[in-house]
Amino acid sequence: MKPRLSHYRDVPAYVTKDGSTIRELLHPQHHANSKQSLAEAIVEVGECTQLHRHGITEELYFIIEGEGVMTLGDEQFTVVGGDSIVIAPGTAHCITNTGTNRLRFLCCCSPAYSHDDTQLLGDVS
């Protein structure tokens, strides 16, 4: 039986396809949830995730700490701790850390995150 509880200290961090460091806090491959995933993502000072989109996945970002610029389709806007962002399937997006500390946020994906649903698009220009 898959666990319903995940301890942060037990979840290894890894670099995902877009270049951010993430911890899959809850994912159907490892836990009892079935329709979504929850991850913590970290983008270091001066870094930017690669511009990408997901074919079927809707994402929600909740900024925990730090500040940055979110690129969402043709829009760019500043984000800070406490902000939430909706990323519709098929929307090109990336996030740049413009602050002096790491940018840390939660990412909820429905359906659950998959490398196969991530299409890299190149640099933001």
PDB file of N, CA and C in Angstrom:
ATOM      1  N   MET A   1       0.838  -1.188   0.000  1.00  0.00           N
ATOM      2  CA  MET A   1       0.000   0.000   0.000  1.00  0.00           C
ATOM      3  C   MET A   1       0.886   1.256   0.000  1.00  0.00           C
ATOM      4  N   LYS A   2       0.561   2.200  -0.859  1.00  0.00           N
ATOM      5  CA  LYS A   2       1.348   3.425  -0.951  1.00  0.00           C
ATOM      6  C   LYS A   2       1.031   4.354   0.224  1.00  0.00           C
ATOM      7  N   PRO A   3       2.045   5.084   0.708  1.00  0.00           N
ATOM      8  CA  PRO A   3       1.849   5.952   1.879  1.00  0.00           C
ATOM      9  C   PRO A   3       0.999   7.182   1.568  1.00  0.00           C
ATOM     10  N   ARG A   4       0.311   7.651   2.592  1.00  0.00           N
ATOM     11  CA  ARG A   4      -0.486   8.879   2.511  1.00  0.00           C
ATOM     12  C   ARG A   4       0.272  10.062   3.111  1.00  0.00           C
ATOM     13  N   LEU A   5       1.415   9.793   3.696  1.00  0.00           N
ATOM     14  CA  LEU A   5       2.221  10.814   4.358  1.00  0.00           C
ATOM     15  C   LEU A   5       3.609  10.841   3.746  1.00  0.00           C
ATOM     16  N   SER A   6       4.101  12.042   3.532  1.00  0.00           N
ATOM     17  CA  SER A   6       5.446  12.230   2.999  1.00  0.00           C
ATOM     18  C   SER A   6       6.211  13.140   3.955  1.00  0.00           C
ATOM     19  N   HIS A   7       7.385  12.705   4.396  1.00  0.00           N
ATOM     20  CA  HIS A   7       8.238  13.522   5.263  1.00  0.00           C
ATOM     21  C   HIS A   7       9.267  14.248   4.390  1.00  0.00           C
ATOM     22  N   TYR A   8       9.318  15.564   4.516  1.00  0.00           N
ATOM     23  CA  TYR A   8      10.224  16.385   3.708  1.00  0.00           C
ATOM     24  C   TYR A   8      11.652  15.852   3.753  1.00  0.00           C
ATOM     25  N   ARG A   9      12.116  15.489   4.925  1.00  0.00           N
ATOM     26  CA  ARG A   9      13.498  15.021   5.106  1.00  0.00           C
ATOM     27  C   ARG A   9      13.797  13.746   4.321  1.00  0.00           C
ATOM     28  N   ASP A  10      12.749  13.000   3.954  1.00  0.00           N
ATOM     29  CA  ASP A  10      12.929  11.736   3.243  1.00  0.00           C
ATOM     30  C   ASP A  10      12.818  11.861   1.719  1.00  0.00           C
ATOM     31  N   VAL A  11      12.494  13.055   1.237  1.00  0.00           N
ATOM     32  CA  VAL A  11      12.265  13.247  -0.193  1.00  0.00           C
ATOM     33  C   VAL A  11      13.522  13.827  -0.833  1.00  0.00           C
ATOM     34  N   PRO A  12      14.176  13.078  -1.721  1.00  0.00           N
ATOM     35  CA  PRO A  12      15.389  13.598  -2.355  1.00  0.00           C
ATOM     36  C   PRO A  12      15.074  14.678  -3.388  1.00  0.00           C
ATOM     37  N   ALA A  13      15.948  15.646  -3.472  1.00  0.00           N
ATOM     38  CA  ALA A  13      15.820  16.692  -4.489  1.00  0.00           C
ATOM     39  C   ALA A  13      16.503  16.231  -5.768  1.00  0.00           C
ATOM     40  N   TYR A  14      15.982  16.701  -6.908  1.00  0.00           N
ATOM     41  CA  TYR A  14      16.630  16.425  -8.196  1.00  0.00           C
ATOM     42  C   TYR A  14      16.343  17.569  -9.150  1.00  0.00           C
ATOM     43  N   VAL A  15      17.129  17.676 -10.198  1.00  0.00           N
ATOM     44  CA  VAL A  15      16.942  18.715 -11.205  1.00  0.00           C
ATOM     45  C   VAL A  15      15.997  18.165 -12.266  1.00  0.00           C
ATOM     46  N   THR A  16      14.917  18.899 -12.505  1.00  0.00           N
ATOM     47  CA  THR A  16      13.916  18.460 -13.465  1.00  0.00           C
ATOM     48  C   THR A  16      14.238  18.977 -14.865  1.00  0.00           C
ATOM     49  N   LYS A  17      13.418  18.616 -15.810  1.00  0.00           N
ATOM     50  CA  LYS A  17      13.668  18.913 -17.219  1.00  0.00           C
ATOM     51  C   LYS A  17      13.795  20.414 -17.502  1.00  0.00           C
ATOM     52  N   ASP A  18      13.084  21.267 -16.716  1.00  0.00           N
ATOM     53  CA  ASP A  18      13.142  22.715 -16.958  1.00  0.00           C
ATOM     54  C   ASP A  18      14.322  23.398 -16.266  1.00  0.00           C
ATOM     55  N   GLY A  19      15.097  22.635 -15.470  1.00  0.00           N
ATOM     56  CA  GLY A  19      16.286  23.179 -14.835  1.00  0.00           C
ATOM     57  C   GLY A  19      16.113  23.567 -13.381  1.00  0.00           C
ATOM     58  N   SER A  20      14.910  23.502 -12.839  1.00  0.00           N
ATOM     59  CA  SER A  20      14.721  23.814 -11.424  1.00  0.00           C
ATOM     60  C   SER A  20      15.041  22.588 -10.571  1.00  0.00           C
ATOM     61  N   THR A  21      15.351  22.838  -9.324  1.00  0.00           N
ATOM     62  CA  THR A  21      15.567  21.751  -8.367  1.00  0.00           C
ATOM     63  C   THR A  21      14.247  21.499  -7.669  1.00  0.00           C
ATOM     64  N   ILE A  22      13.766  20.267  -7.722  1.00  0.00           N
ATOM     65  CA  ILE A  22      12.472  19.982  -7.111  1.00  0.00           C
ATOM     66  C   ILE A  22      12.534  18.797  -6.157  1.00  0.00           C
ATOM     67  N   ARG A  23      11.535  18.768  -5.309  1.00  0.00           N
ATOM     68  CA  ARG A  23      11.258  17.624  -4.436  1.00  0.00           C
ATOM     69  C   ARG A  23       9.808  17.237  -4.710  1.00  0.00           C
ATOM     70  N   GLU A  24       9.587  16.037  -5.182  1.00  0.00           N
ATOM     71  CA  GLU A  24       8.225  15.534  -5.393  1.00  0.00           C
ATOM     72  C   GLU A  24       7.652  15.146  -4.034  1.00  0.00           C
ATOM     73  N   LEU A  25       6.939  16.058  -3.404  1.00  0.00           N
ATOM     74  CA  LEU A  25       6.408  15.830  -2.063  1.00  0.00           C
ATOM     75  C   LEU A  25       5.316  14.762  -2.071  1.00  0.00           C
ATOM     76  N   LEU A  26       4.465  14.815  -3.074  1.00  0.00           N
ATOM     77  CA  LEU A  26       3.426  13.797  -3.273  1.00  0.00           C
ATOM     78  C   LEU A  26       3.289  13.537  -4.771  1.00  0.00           C
ATOM     79  N   HIS A  27       3.367  12.284  -5.170  1.00  0.00           N
ATOM     80  CA  HIS A  27       3.243  11.906  -6.578  1.00  0.00           C
ATOM     81  C   HIS A  27       2.634  10.510  -6.656  1.00  0.00           C
ATOM     82  N   PRO A  28       1.695  10.275  -7.573  1.00  0.00           N
ATOM     83  CA  PRO A  28       1.035   8.970  -7.674  1.00  0.00           C
ATOM     84  C   PRO A  28       1.977   7.782  -7.838  1.00  0.00           C
ATOM     85  N   GLN A  29       3.164   8.003  -8.377  1.00  0.00           N
ATOM     86  CA  GLN A  29       4.105   6.890  -8.524  1.00  0.00           C
ATOM     87  C   GLN A  29       4.594   6.374  -7.164  1.00  0.00           C
ATOM     88  N   HIS A  30       4.516   7.234  -6.141  1.00  0.00           N
ATOM     89  CA  HIS A  30       5.087   6.876  -4.845  1.00  0.00           C
ATOM     90  C   HIS A  30       4.108   6.975  -3.672  1.00  0.00           C
ATOM     91  N   HIS A  31       2.975   7.644  -3.874  1.00  0.00           N
ATOM     92  CA  HIS A  31       2.055   7.916  -2.770  1.00  0.00           C
ATOM     93  C   HIS A  31       0.625   7.516  -3.132  1.00  0.00           C
ATOM     94  N   ALA A  32      -0.287   7.657  -2.188  1.00  0.00           N
ATOM     95  CA  ALA A  32      -1.667   7.200  -2.348  1.00  0.00           C
ATOM     96  C   ALA A  32      -2.539   8.132  -3.200  1.00  0.00           C
ATOM     97  N   ASN A  33      -2.043   9.300  -3.572  1.00  0.00           N
ATOM     98  CA  ASN A  33      -2.819  10.198  -4.440  1.00  0.00           C
ATOM     99  C   ASN A  33      -2.855   9.650  -5.859  1.00  0.00           C
ATOM    100  N   SER A  34      -3.865  10.073  -6.645  1.00  0.00           N
ATOM    101  CA  SER A  34      -3.998   9.486  -7.979  1.00  0.00           C
ATOM    102  C   SER A  34      -4.123  10.486  -9.120  1.00  0.00           C
ATOM    103  N   LYS A  35      -4.510  11.733  -8.860  1.00  0.00           N
ATOM    104  CA  LYS A  35      -4.835  12.649  -9.948  1.00  0.00           C
ATOM    105  C   LYS A  35      -3.975  13.910 -10.024  1.00  0.00           C
ATOM    106  N   GLN A  36      -3.067  14.082  -9.080  1.00  0.00           N
ATOM    107  CA  GLN A  36      -2.258  15.299  -9.072  1.00  0.00           C
ATOM    108  C   GLN A  36      -0.942  15.034  -8.359  1.00  0.00           C
ATOM    109  N   SER A  37      -0.033  16.005  -8.486  1.00  0.00           N
ATOM    110  CA  SER A  37       1.234  15.915  -7.761  1.00  0.00           C
ATOM    111  C   SER A  37       1.506  17.256  -7.095  1.00  0.00           C
ATOM    112  N   LEU A  38       2.346  17.206  -6.068  1.00  0.00           N
ATOM    113  CA  LEU A  38       2.748  18.401  -5.349  1.00  0.00           C
ATOM    114  C   LEU A  38       4.256  18.358  -5.190  1.00  0.00           C
ATOM    115  N   ALA A  39       4.913  19.444  -5.607  1.00  0.00           N
ATOM    116  CA  ALA A  39       6.370  19.502  -5.519  1.00  0.00           C
ATOM    117  C   ALA A  39       6.794  20.865  -4.992  1.00  0.00           C
ATOM    118  N   GLU A  40       7.958  20.879  -4.336  1.00  0.00           N
ATOM    119  CA  GLU A  40       8.625  22.122  -3.989  1.00  0.00           C
ATOM    120  C   GLU A  40       9.677  22.351  -5.061  1.00  0.00           C
ATOM    121  N   ALA A  41       9.719  23.576  -5.586  1.00  0.00           N
ATOM    122  CA  ALA A  41      10.723  23.925  -6.595  1.00  0.00           C
ATOM    123  C   ALA A  41      11.580  25.061  -6.062  1.00  0.00           C
ATOM    124  N   ILE A  42      12.866  25.028  -6.417  1.00  0.00           N
ATOM    125  CA  ILE A  42      13.800  26.085  -6.022  1.00  0.00           C
ATOM    126  C   ILE A  42      14.557  26.549  -7.267  1.00  0.00           C
ATOM    127  N   VAL A  43      14.588  27.869  -7.446  1.00  0.00           N
ATOM    128  CA  VAL A  43      15.382  28.487  -8.508  1.00  0.00           C
ATOM    129  C   VAL A  43      16.374  29.403  -7.803  1.00  0.00           C
ATOM    130  N   GLU A  44      17.645  29.159  -8.030  1.00  0.00           N
ATOM    131  CA  GLU A  44      18.693  29.919  -7.345  1.00  0.00           C
ATOM    132  C   GLU A  44      18.792  31.347  -7.885  1.00  0.00           C
ATOM    133  N   VAL A  45      19.445  32.207  -7.116  1.00  0.00           N
ATOM    134  CA  VAL A  45      19.619  33.621  -7.463  1.00  0.00           C
ATOM    135  C   VAL A  45      20.209  33.750  -8.875  1.00  0.00           C
ATOM    136  N   GLY A  46      19.566  34.583  -9.698  1.00  0.00           N
ATOM    137  CA  GLY A  46      20.050  34.843 -11.052  1.00  0.00           C
ATOM    138  C   GLY A  46      19.710  33.763 -12.062  1.00  0.00           C
ATOM    139  N   GLU A  47      19.106  32.679 -11.638  1.00  0.00           N
ATOM    140  CA  GLU A  47      18.774  31.578 -12.543  1.00  0.00           C
ATOM    141  C   GLU A  47      17.352  31.711 -13.076  1.00  0.00           C
ATOM    142  N   CYS A  48      17.090  30.992 -14.177  1.00  0.00           N
ATOM    143  CA  CYS A  48      15.778  30.976 -14.811  1.00  0.00           C
ATOM    144  C   CYS A  48      15.489  29.551 -15.265  1.00  0.00           C
ATOM    145  N   THR A  49      14.252  29.109 -15.087  1.00  0.00           N
ATOM    146  CA  THR A  49      13.885  27.811 -15.644  1.00  0.00           C
ATOM    147  C   THR A  49      13.811  27.942 -17.159  1.00  0.00           C
ATOM    148  N   GLN A  50      13.929  26.843 -17.860  1.00  0.00           N
ATOM    149  CA  GLN A  50      13.823  26.873 -19.316  1.00  0.00           C
ATOM    150  C   GLN A  50      12.367  27.097 -19.705  1.00  0.00           C
ATOM    151  N   LEU A  51      12.163  27.881 -20.749  1.00  0.00           N
ATOM    152  CA  LEU A  51      10.826  28.100 -21.274  1.00  0.00           C
ATOM    153  C   LEU A  51      10.284  26.749 -21.737  1.00  0.00           C
ATOM    154  N   HIS A  52       9.079  26.426 -21.279  1.00  0.00           N
ATOM    155  CA  HIS A  52       8.494  25.129 -21.597  1.00  0.00           C
ATOM    156  C   HIS A  52       6.975  25.201 -21.506  1.00  0.00           C
ATOM    157  N   ARG A  53       6.333  24.123 -21.920  1.00  0.00           N
ATOM    158  CA  ARG A  53       4.890  24.009 -21.760  1.00  0.00           C
ATOM    159  C   ARG A  53       4.540  22.548 -21.530  1.00  0.00           C
ATOM    160  N   HIS A  54       3.335  22.342 -21.035  1.00  0.00           N
ATOM    161  CA  HIS A  54       2.831  20.998 -20.782  1.00  0.00           C
ATOM    162  C   HIS A  54       1.577  20.806 -21.636  1.00  0.00           C
ATOM    163  N   GLY A  55       1.507  19.702 -22.349  1.00  0.00           N
ATOM    164  CA  GLY A  55       0.393  19.463 -23.255  1.00  0.00           C
ATOM    165  C   GLY A  55      -0.940  19.286 -22.558  1.00  0.00           C
ATOM    166  N   ILE A  56      -0.950  18.550 -21.439  1.00  0.00           N
ATOM    167  CA  ILE A  56      -2.222  18.262 -20.776  1.00  0.00           C
ATOM    168  C   ILE A  56      -2.279  18.719 -19.326  1.00  0.00           C
ATOM    169  N   THR A  57      -1.159  19.066 -18.747  1.00  0.00           N
ATOM    170  CA  THR A  57      -1.103  19.373 -17.314  1.00  0.00           C
ATOM    171  C   THR A  57      -1.417  20.834 -17.022  1.00  0.00           C
ATOM    172  N   GLU A  58      -2.319  21.045 -16.053  1.00  0.00           N
ATOM    173  CA  GLU A  58      -2.545  22.366 -15.483  1.00  0.00           C
ATOM    174  C   GLU A  58      -1.656  22.468 -14.251  1.00  0.00           C
ATOM    175  N   GLU A  59      -0.994  23.616 -14.087  1.00  0.00           N
ATOM    176  CA  GLU A  59      -0.124  23.818 -12.926  1.00  0.00           C
ATOM    177  C   GLU A  59      -0.615  24.992 -12.095  1.00  0.00           C
ATOM    178  N   LEU A  60      -0.392  24.883 -10.804  1.00  0.00           N
ATOM    179  CA  LEU A  60      -0.592  25.989  -9.875  1.00  0.00           C
ATOM    180  C   LEU A  60       0.727  26.206  -9.161  1.00  0.00           C
ATOM    181  N   TYR A  61       1.214  27.444  -9.147  1.00  0.00           N
ATOM    182  CA  TYR A  61       2.410  27.792  -8.389  1.00  0.00           C
ATOM    183  C   TYR A  61       1.978  28.625  -7.186  1.00  0.00           C
ATOM    184  N   PHE A  62       2.581  28.346  -6.035  1.00  0.00           N
ATOM    185  CA  PHE A  62       2.418  29.197  -4.858  1.00  0.00           C
ATOM    186  C   PHE A  62       3.819  29.600  -4.419  1.00  0.00           C
ATOM    187  N   ILE A  63       4.116  30.894  -4.493  1.00  0.00           N
ATOM    188  CA  ILE A  63       5.444  31.398  -4.144  1.00  0.00           C
ATOM    189  C   ILE A  63       5.562  31.434  -2.614  1.00  0.00           C
ATOM    190  N   ILE A  64       6.524  30.677  -2.088  1.00  0.00           N
ATOM    191  CA  ILE A  64       6.745  30.623  -0.637  1.00  0.00           C
ATOM    192  C   ILE A  64       7.676  31.746  -0.206  1.00  0.00           C
ATOM    193  N   GLU A  65       8.793  31.888  -0.944  1.00  0.00           N
ATOM    194  CA  GLU A  65       9.762  32.931  -0.585  1.00  0.00           C
ATOM    195  C   GLU A  65      10.553  33.330  -1.818  1.00  0.00           C
ATOM    196  N   GLY A  66      11.072  34.542  -1.753  1.00  0.00           N
ATOM    197  CA  GLY A  66      11.875  35.059  -2.850  1.00  0.00           C
ATOM    198  C   GLY A  66      11.052  35.957  -3.747  1.00  0.00           C
ATOM    199  N   GLU A  67      11.688  36.371  -4.836  1.00  0.00           N
ATOM    200  CA  GLU A  67      11.000  37.207  -5.821  1.00  0.00           C
ATOM    201  C   GLU A  67      11.528  36.868  -7.198  1.00  0.00           C
ATOM    202  N   GLY A  68      10.683  37.100  -8.174  1.00  0.00           N
ATOM    203  CA  GLY A  68      11.089  36.774  -9.529  1.00  0.00           C
ATOM    204  C   GLY A  68      10.166  37.375 -10.558  1.00  0.00           C
ATOM    205  N   VAL A  69      10.428  36.997 -11.794  1.00  0.00           N
ATOM    206  CA  VAL A  69       9.587  37.398 -12.918  1.00  0.00           C
ATOM    207  C   VAL A  69       9.046  36.131 -13.559  1.00  0.00           C
ATOM    208  N   MET A  70       7.732  36.073 -13.679  1.00  0.00           N
ATOM    209  CA  MET A  70       7.045  34.950 -14.304  1.00  0.00           C
ATOM    210  C   MET A  70       6.739  35.311 -15.740  1.00  0.00           C
ATOM    211  N   THR A  71       7.141  34.442 -16.663  1.00  0.00           N
ATOM    212  CA  THR A  71       6.741  34.572 -18.057  1.00  0.00           C
ATOM    213  C   THR A  71       5.635  33.558 -18.279  1.00  0.00           C
ATOM    214  N   LEU A  72       4.495  34.043 -18.745  1.00  0.00           N
ATOM    215  CA  LEU A  72       3.315  33.211 -18.936  1.00  0.00           C
ATOM    216  C   LEU A  72       2.694  33.594 -20.272  1.00  0.00           C
ATOM    217  N   GLY A  73       2.983  32.791 -21.301  1.00  0.00           N
ATOM    218  CA  GLY A  73       2.557  33.158 -22.645  1.00  0.00           C
ATOM    219  C   GLY A  73       3.250  34.443 -23.058  1.00  0.00           C
ATOM    220  N   ASP A  74       2.462  35.453 -23.446  1.00  0.00           N
ATOM    221  CA  ASP A  74       3.008  36.746 -23.864  1.00  0.00           C
ATOM    222  C   ASP A  74       3.156  37.732 -22.708  1.00  0.00           C
ATOM    223  N   GLU A  75       2.784  37.316 -21.503  1.00  0.00           N
ATOM    224  CA  GLU A  75       2.846  38.193 -20.333  1.00  0.00           C
ATOM    225  C   GLU A  75       4.116  37.966 -19.525  1.00  0.00           C
ATOM    226  N   GLN A  76       4.560  39.016 -18.854  1.00  0.00           N
ATOM    227  CA  GLN A  76       5.611  38.915 -17.843  1.00  0.00           C
ATOM    228  C   GLN A  76       5.176  39.759 -16.661  1.00  0.00           C
ATOM    229  N   PHE A  77       5.339  39.208 -15.450  1.00  0.00           N
ATOM    230  CA  PHE A  77       4.945  39.954 -14.265  1.00  0.00           C
ATOM    231  C   PHE A  77       5.794  39.512 -13.078  1.00  0.00           C
ATOM    232  N   THR A  78       5.901  40.414 -12.109  1.00  0.00           N
ATOM    233  CA  THR A  78       6.679  40.163 -10.902  1.00  0.00           C
ATOM    234  C   THR A  78       5.889  39.269  -9.956  1.00  0.00           C
ATOM    235  N   VAL A  79       6.597  38.341  -9.297  1.00  0.00           N
ATOM    236  CA  VAL A  79       5.987  37.492  -8.270  1.00  0.00           C
ATOM    237  C   VAL A  79       6.826  37.565  -7.005  1.00  0.00           C
ATOM    238  N   VAL A  80       6.144  37.495  -5.856  1.00  0.00           N
ATOM    239  CA  VAL A  80       6.797  37.522  -4.547  1.00  0.00           C
ATOM    240  C   VAL A  80       6.097  36.515  -3.637  1.00  0.00           C
ATOM    241  N   GLY A  81       6.706  36.270  -2.483  1.00  0.00           N
ATOM    242  CA  GLY A  81       6.121  35.356  -1.517  1.00  0.00           C
ATOM    243  C   GLY A  81       4.658  35.661  -1.258  1.00  0.00           C
ATOM    244  N   GLY A  82       3.820  34.627  -1.291  1.00  0.00           N
ATOM    245  CA  GLY A  82       2.385  34.777  -1.076  1.00  0.00           C
ATOM    246  C   GLY A  82       1.568  34.807  -2.353  1.00  0.00           C
ATOM    247  N   ASP A  83       2.232  34.964  -3.509  1.00  0.00           N
ATOM    248  CA  ASP A  83       1.515  35.001  -4.790  1.00  0.00           C
ATOM    249  C   ASP A  83       1.195  33.597  -5.288  1.00  0.00           C
ATOM    250  N   SER A  84       0.089  33.476  -6.025  1.00  0.00           N
ATOM    251  CA  SER A  84      -0.324  32.223  -6.661  1.00  0.00           C
ATOM    252  C   SER A  84      -0.527  32.460  -8.145  1.00  0.00           C
ATOM    253  N   ILE A  85      -0.158  31.482  -8.960  1.00  0.00           N
ATOM    254  CA  ILE A  85      -0.224  31.606 -10.413  1.00  0.00           C
ATOM    255  C   ILE A  85      -0.893  30.369 -10.990  1.00  0.00           C
ATOM    256  N   VAL A  86      -1.792  30.571 -11.955  1.00  0.00           N
ATOM    257  CA  VAL A  86      -2.428  29.478 -12.687  1.00  0.00           C
ATOM    258  C   VAL A  86      -1.768  29.384 -14.052  1.00  0.00           C
ATOM    259  N   ILE A  87      -1.330  28.174 -14.428  1.00  0.00           N
ATOM    260  CA  ILE A  87      -0.698  27.943 -15.726  1.00  0.00           C
ATOM    261  C   ILE A  87      -1.542  26.911 -16.471  1.00  0.00           C
ATOM    262  N   ALA A  88      -2.254  27.364 -17.480  1.00  0.00           N
ATOM    263  CA  ALA A  88      -3.139  26.486 -18.247  1.00  0.00           C
ATOM    264  C   ALA A  88      -2.321  25.546 -19.138  1.00  0.00           C
ATOM    265  N   PRO A  89      -2.848  24.373 -19.429  1.00  0.00           N
ATOM    266  CA  PRO A  89      -2.158  23.457 -20.343  1.00  0.00           C
ATOM    267  C   PRO A  89      -1.853  24.154 -21.673  1.00  0.00           C
ATOM    268  N   GLY A  90      -0.686  23.882 -22.221  1.00  0.00           N
ATOM    269  CA  GLY A  90      -0.291  24.448 -23.509  1.00  0.00           C
ATOM    270  C   GLY A  90       0.310  25.833 -23.444  1.00  0.00           C
ATOM    271  N   THR A  91       0.355  26.449 -22.262  1.00  0.00           N
ATOM    272  CA  THR A  91       0.879  27.806 -22.112  1.00  0.00           C
ATOM    273  C   THR A  91       2.380  27.774 -21.857  1.00  0.00           C
ATOM    274  N   ALA A  92       3.137  28.464 -22.705  1.00  0.00           N
ATOM    275  CA  ALA A  92       4.591  28.566 -22.511  1.00  0.00           C
ATOM    276  C   ALA A  92       4.848  29.353 -21.235  1.00  0.00           C
ATOM    277  N   HIS A  93       5.813  28.867 -20.429  1.00  0.00           N
ATOM    278  CA  HIS A  93       6.103  29.556 -19.172  1.00  0.00           C
ATOM    279  C   HIS A  93       7.512  29.250 -18.671  1.00  0.00           C
ATOM    280  N   CYS A  94       8.004  30.183 -17.859  1.00  0.00           N
ATOM    281  CA  CYS A  94       9.259  30.016 -17.130  1.00  0.00           C
ATOM    282  C   CYS A  94       9.249  31.027 -16.003  1.00  0.00           C
ATOM    283  N   ILE A  95      10.172  30.864 -15.072  1.00  0.00           N
ATOM    284  CA  ILE A  95      10.260  31.788 -13.949  1.00  0.00           C
ATOM    285  C   ILE A  95      11.734  32.092 -13.690  1.00  0.00           C
ATOM    286  N   THR A  96      12.018  33.381 -13.487  1.00  0.00           N
ATOM    287  CA  THR A  96      13.376  33.864 -13.261  1.00  0.00           C
ATOM    288  C   THR A  96      13.481  34.406 -11.847  1.00  0.00           C
ATOM    289  N   ASN A  97      14.544  34.020 -11.151  1.00  0.00           N
ATOM    290  CA  ASN A  97      14.800  34.553  -9.818  1.00  0.00           C
ATOM    291  C   ASN A  97      15.528  35.885  -9.986  1.00  0.00           C
ATOM    292  N   THR A  98      14.860  36.978  -9.611  1.00  0.00           N
ATOM    293  CA  THR A  98      15.446  38.318  -9.721  1.00  0.00           C
ATOM    294  C   THR A  98      15.842  38.874  -8.354  1.00  0.00           C
ATOM    295  N   GLY A  99      15.688  38.064  -7.317  1.00  0.00           N
ATOM    296  CA  GLY A  99      15.966  38.529  -5.966  1.00  0.00           C
ATOM    297  C   GLY A  99      17.385  38.248  -5.509  1.00  0.00           C
ATOM    298  N   THR A 100      17.599  38.420  -4.214  1.00  0.00           N
ATOM    299  CA  THR A 100      18.920  38.206  -3.616  1.00  0.00           C
ATOM    300  C   THR A 100      18.967  36.908  -2.814  1.00  0.00           C
ATOM    301  N   ASN A 101      17.854  36.182  -2.750  1.00  0.00           N
ATOM    302  CA  ASN A 101      17.766  34.887  -2.081  1.00  0.00           C
ATOM    303  C   ASN A 101      17.125  33.891  -3.038  1.00  0.00           C
ATOM    304  N   ARG A 102      17.162  32.628  -2.682  1.00  0.00           N
ATOM    305  CA  ARG A 102      16.548  31.621  -3.557  1.00  0.00           C
ATOM    306  C   ARG A 102      15.054  31.895  -3.706  1.00  0.00           C
ATOM    307  N   LEU A 103      14.512  31.502  -4.837  1.00  0.00           N
ATOM    308  CA  LEU A 103      13.089  31.583  -5.116  1.00  0.00           C
ATOM    309  C   LEU A 103      12.527  30.190  -4.869  1.00  0.00           C
ATOM    310  N   ARG A 104      11.609  30.081  -3.930  1.00  0.00           N
ATOM    311  CA  ARG A 104      11.075  28.783  -3.529  1.00  0.00           C
ATOM    312  C   ARG A 104       9.563  28.803  -3.684  1.00  0.00           C
ATOM    313  N   PHE A 105       9.014  27.778  -4.353  1.00  0.00           N
ATOM    314  CA  PHE A 105       7.569  27.743  -4.560  1.00  0.00           C
ATOM    315  C   PHE A 105       7.061  26.314  -4.605  1.00  0.00           C
ATOM    316  N   LEU A 106       5.761  26.180  -4.340  1.00  0.00           N
ATOM    317  CA  LEU A 106       5.079  24.900  -4.480  1.00  0.00           C
ATOM    318  C   LEU A 106       4.457  24.842  -5.857  1.00  0.00           C
ATOM    319  N   CYS A 107       4.490  23.667  -6.449  1.00  0.00           N
ATOM    320  CA  CYS A 107       3.916  23.450  -7.765  1.00  0.00           C
ATOM    321  C   CYS A 107       2.966  22.260  -7.675  1.00  0.00           C
ATOM    322  N   CYS A 108       1.702  22.511  -7.939  1.00  0.00           N
ATOM    323  CA  CYS A 108       0.697  21.455  -7.948  1.00  0.00           C
ATOM    324  C   CYS A 108       0.328  21.190  -9.404  1.00  0.00           C
ATOM    325  N   CYS A 109       0.386  19.944  -9.830  1.00  0.00           N
ATOM    326  CA  CYS A 109       0.111  19.567 -11.219  1.00  0.00           C
ATOM    327  C   CYS A 109      -1.062  18.599 -11.289  1.00  0.00           C
ATOM    328  N   SER A 110      -1.965  18.841 -12.243  1.00  0.00           N
ATOM    329  CA  SER A 110      -3.074  17.930 -12.481  1.00  0.00           C
ATOM    330  C   SER A 110      -3.277  17.799 -13.991  1.00  0.00           C
ATOM    331  N   PRO A 111      -3.124  16.594 -14.561  1.00  0.00           N
ATOM    332  CA  PRO A 111      -2.682  15.386 -13.886  1.00  0.00           C
ATOM    333  C   PRO A 111      -1.244  15.541 -13.375  1.00  0.00           C
ATOM    334  N   ALA A 112      -0.793  14.540 -12.649  1.00  0.00           N
ATOM    335  CA  ALA A 112       0.521  14.585 -12.009  1.00  0.00           C
ATOM    336  C   ALA A 112       1.640  14.889 -13.001  1.00  0.00           C
ATOM    337  N   TYR A 113       2.689  15.563 -12.501  1.00  0.00           N
ATOM    338  CA  TYR A 113       3.840  15.922 -13.333  1.00  0.00           C
ATOM    339  C   TYR A 113       4.432  14.703 -14.033  1.00  0.00           C
ATOM    340  N   SER A 114       4.805  14.929 -15.298  1.00  0.00           N
ATOM    341  CA  SER A 114       5.469  13.899 -16.096  1.00  0.00           C
ATOM    342  C   SER A 114       6.477  14.567 -17.020  1.00  0.00           C
ATOM    343  N   HIS A 115       7.700  14.028 -17.058  1.00  0.00           N
ATOM    344  CA  HIS A 115       8.692  14.533 -18.017  1.00  0.00           C
ATOM    345  C   HIS A 115       8.160  14.431 -19.444  1.00  0.00           C
ATOM    346  N   ASP A 116       7.391  13.383 -19.730  1.00  0.00           N
ATOM    347  CA  ASP A 116       6.869  13.167 -21.083  1.00  0.00           C
ATOM    348  C   ASP A 116       5.896  14.255 -21.522  1.00  0.00           C
ATOM    349  N   ASP A 117       5.277  14.960 -20.560  1.00  0.00           N
ATOM    350  CA  ASP A 117       4.323  16.037 -20.887  1.00  0.00           C
ATOM    351  C   ASP A 117       5.004  17.408 -20.885  1.00  0.00           C
ATOM    352  N   THR A 118       6.320  17.434 -20.785  1.00  0.00           N
ATOM    353  CA  THR A 118       7.071  18.698 -20.739  1.00  0.00           C
ATOM    354  C   THR A 118       7.814  18.892 -22.054  1.00  0.00           C
ATOM    355  N   GLN A 119       7.460  19.973 -22.743  1.00  0.00           N
ATOM    356  CA  GLN A 119       8.118  20.303 -24.014  1.00  0.00           C
ATOM    357  C   GLN A 119       8.961  21.564 -23.819  1.00  0.00           C
ATOM    358  N   LEU A 120      10.282  21.422 -23.956  1.00  0.00           N
ATOM    359  CA  LEU A 120      11.178  22.564 -23.845  1.00  0.00           C
ATOM    360  C   LEU A 120      11.075  23.411 -25.099  1.00  0.00           C
ATOM    361  N   LEU A 121      11.088  24.757 -24.917  1.00  0.00           N
ATOM    362  CA  LEU A 121      10.868  25.670 -26.029  1.00  0.00           C
ATOM    363  C   LEU A 121      12.045  26.583 -26.329  1.00  0.00           C
ATOM    364  N   GLY A 122      13.071  26.575 -25.492  1.00  0.00           N
ATOM    365  CA  GLY A 122      14.233  27.428 -25.732  1.00  0.00           C
ATOM    366  C   GLY A 122      14.288  28.587 -24.742  1.00  0.00           C
ATOM    367  N   ASP A 123      15.106  29.568 -25.051  1.00  0.00           N
ATOM    368  CA  ASP A 123      15.320  30.698 -24.160  1.00  0.00           C
ATOM    369  C   ASP A 123      14.227  31.757 -24.315  1.00  0.00           C
ATOM    370  N   VAL A 124      14.032  32.539 -23.234  1.00  0.00           N
ATOM    371  CA  VAL A 124      13.124  33.673 -23.284  1.00  0.00           C
ATOM    372  C   VAL A 124      13.878  34.824 -23.928  1.00  0.00           C
ATOM    373  N   SER A 125      13.268  35.457 -24.900  1.00  0.00           N
ATOM    374  CA  SER A 125      13.920  36.595 -25.557  1.00  0.00           C
ATOM    375  C   SER A 125      13.007  37.797 -25.557  1.00  0.00           C
TER     376      SER A 125
END
